[in-house]
Amino acid sequence: MNFFEKVYQVVKQIPKGKVASYGVIAFVCGNPKMSRQVGWALHCNPDNSEIPCHRVVTKQGKLSTAFAFGGMESQRQMLLQEGVKFKGDLVDMSQCAIVPSIMHIHDLGFQYGVEN
């Protein structure tokens, strides 16, 4: 499985109402220094109906200025519809960010427990 495929498998596991940062996704995929490549993988998302790239934000909770499927306002609306809380223009990371707690490789992808 290549890095992009790992990213897609991990992003599919982010539940509605939660978000993850690019860095967390890179960490779970086994390469914590590849957060920019996570962004590129999401920009190339082959199936936005199955891979919820709108649930990935910066570690500060900023939305993507390059959101591939409609821009920042579209991303914000999608997150709001799922129950994600905001403080001004930022996602409230203290309430909505997932943090990997237990990680292991299972079959072809990663599965992990989340705290919150």
Protein backbone atom coordinates (compact mmCIF):
# COMPACT_ATOMS: atom_id res chain seq x y z
CA MET A 1 0.00 0.00 0.00
CA ASN A 2 1.46 3.37 -0.96
CA PHE A 3 1.38 6.50 1.21
CA PHE A 4 -1.69 8.01 -0.48
CA GLU A 5 -3.63 4.77 0.01
CA LYS A 6 -2.67 4.75 3.71
CA VAL A 7 -3.87 8.36 4.01
CA TYR A 8 -7.22 7.44 2.47
CA GLN A 9 -7.65 4.45 4.80
CA VAL A 10 -6.93 6.57 7.88
CA VAL A 11 -9.15 9.49 6.79
CA LYS A 12 -12.05 7.08 6.21
CA GLN A 13 -11.89 6.29 9.95
CA ILE A 14 -12.47 9.88 11.12
CA PRO A 15 -16.01 9.86 12.52
CA LYS A 16 -18.63 12.50 11.76
CA GLY A 17 -18.37 15.39 14.19
CA LYS A 18 -14.62 14.98 14.55
CA VAL A 19 -11.54 16.22 12.69
CA ALA A 20 -7.88 15.26 12.50
CA SER A 21 -4.87 17.36 11.64
CA TYR A 22 -2.60 16.71 8.69
CA GLY A 23 0.18 15.89 11.15
CA VAL A 24 -1.91 13.30 13.00
CA ILE A 25 -2.77 11.61 9.72
CA ALA A 26 0.92 11.56 8.72
CA PHE A 27 1.85 10.14 12.14
CA VAL A 28 -0.74 7.37 11.95
CA CYS A 29 0.46 6.54 8.42
CA GLY A 30 3.93 5.95 9.82
CA ASN A 31 5.72 9.09 8.67
CA PRO A 32 5.11 12.07 10.97
CA LYS A 33 7.13 14.44 8.77
CA MET A 34 4.84 14.03 5.75
CA SER A 35 1.92 16.29 6.70
CA ARG A 36 2.30 18.27 3.46
CA GLN A 37 2.06 15.04 1.49
CA VAL A 38 -1.16 14.26 3.38
CA GLY A 39 -2.52 17.51 2.00
CA TRP A 40 -1.45 16.57 -1.50
CA ALA A 41 -3.06 13.13 -1.17
CA LEU A 42 -6.31 14.75 -0.09
CA HIS A 43 -6.13 17.21 -2.97
CA CYS A 44 -5.95 14.16 -5.27
CA ASN A 45 -8.80 12.39 -3.42
CA PRO A 46 -10.25 9.87 -5.90
CA ASP A 47 -13.60 9.53 -4.11
CA ASN A 48 -14.85 12.33 -1.87
CA SER A 49 -18.05 10.42 -1.16
CA GLU A 50 -16.03 7.71 0.61
CA ILE A 51 -12.95 9.65 1.76
CA PRO A 52 -14.08 12.58 3.94
CA CYS A 53 -11.14 14.90 3.31
CA HIS A 54 -13.17 17.83 4.67
CA ARG A 55 -12.51 16.36 8.16
CA VAL A 56 -8.78 17.14 7.93
CA VAL A 57 -7.63 20.57 9.13
CA THR A 58 -4.43 22.18 10.39
CA LYS A 59 -3.29 21.56 13.97
CA GLN A 60 -4.62 25.03 14.83
CA GLY A 61 -8.04 24.16 13.39
CA LYS A 62 -7.71 26.20 10.20
CA LEU A 63 -9.66 25.08 7.17
CA SER A 64 -7.96 24.44 3.85
CA THR A 65 -7.72 27.38 1.49
CA ALA A 66 -7.28 24.80 -1.27
CA PHE A 67 -10.21 22.57 -0.30
CA ALA A 68 -10.66 20.59 -3.48
CA PHE A 69 -14.43 20.30 -3.39
CA GLY A 70 -15.75 23.82 -3.07
CA GLY A 71 -13.44 26.00 -1.00
CA MET A 72 -13.25 26.94 2.68
CA GLU A 73 -16.91 27.89 3.04
CA SER A 74 -18.00 24.54 1.63
CA GLN A 75 -15.66 22.72 4.04
CA ARG A 76 -17.00 24.77 6.95
CA GLN A 77 -20.62 24.01 6.03
CA MET A 78 -19.90 20.28 5.70
CA LEU A 79 -18.25 20.24 9.13
CA LEU A 80 -21.05 22.27 10.74
CA GLN A 81 -23.63 19.85 9.33
CA GLU A 82 -21.74 17.02 11.03
CA GLY A 83 -21.71 18.82 14.39
CA VAL A 84 -18.14 20.14 14.42
CA LYS A 85 -17.82 23.16 16.73
CA PHE A 86 -16.01 26.34 15.76
CA LYS A 87 -14.43 29.19 17.69
CA GLY A 88 -14.57 32.02 15.18
CA ASP A 89 -12.96 30.80 11.96
CA LEU A 90 -11.17 27.86 13.62
CA VAL A 91 -12.41 24.38 14.45
CA ASP A 92 -12.57 23.96 18.23
CA MET A 93 -9.80 21.40 18.40
CA SER A 94 -10.26 20.90 22.15
CA GLN A 95 -13.70 19.42 21.47
CA CYS A 96 -13.48 17.99 17.97
CA ALA A 97 -9.95 16.74 17.28
CA ILE A 98 -9.23 13.05 17.44
CA VAL A 99 -5.96 11.89 18.92
CA PRO A 100 -4.60 8.44 18.08
CA SER A 101 -4.18 6.43 21.26
CA ILE A 102 -3.60 2.86 20.13
CA MET A 103 -2.27 2.20 16.66
CA HIS A 104 -1.51 -0.96 14.82
CA ILE A 105 -1.44 -2.24 11.29
CA HIS A 106 -4.42 -4.44 10.51
CA ASP A 107 -4.80 -6.14 7.14
CA LEU A 108 -3.99 -3.46 4.54
CA GLY A 109 -4.71 -0.35 6.58
CA PHE A 110 -4.30 1.25 9.96
CA GLN A 111 -6.86 1.06 12.69
CA TYR A 112 -6.57 3.09 15.84
CA GLY A 113 -8.51 4.00 18.92
CA VAL A 114 -9.41 7.62 19.45
CA GLU A 115 -9.67 9.70 22.58
CA ASN A 116 -12.44 12.28 23.14
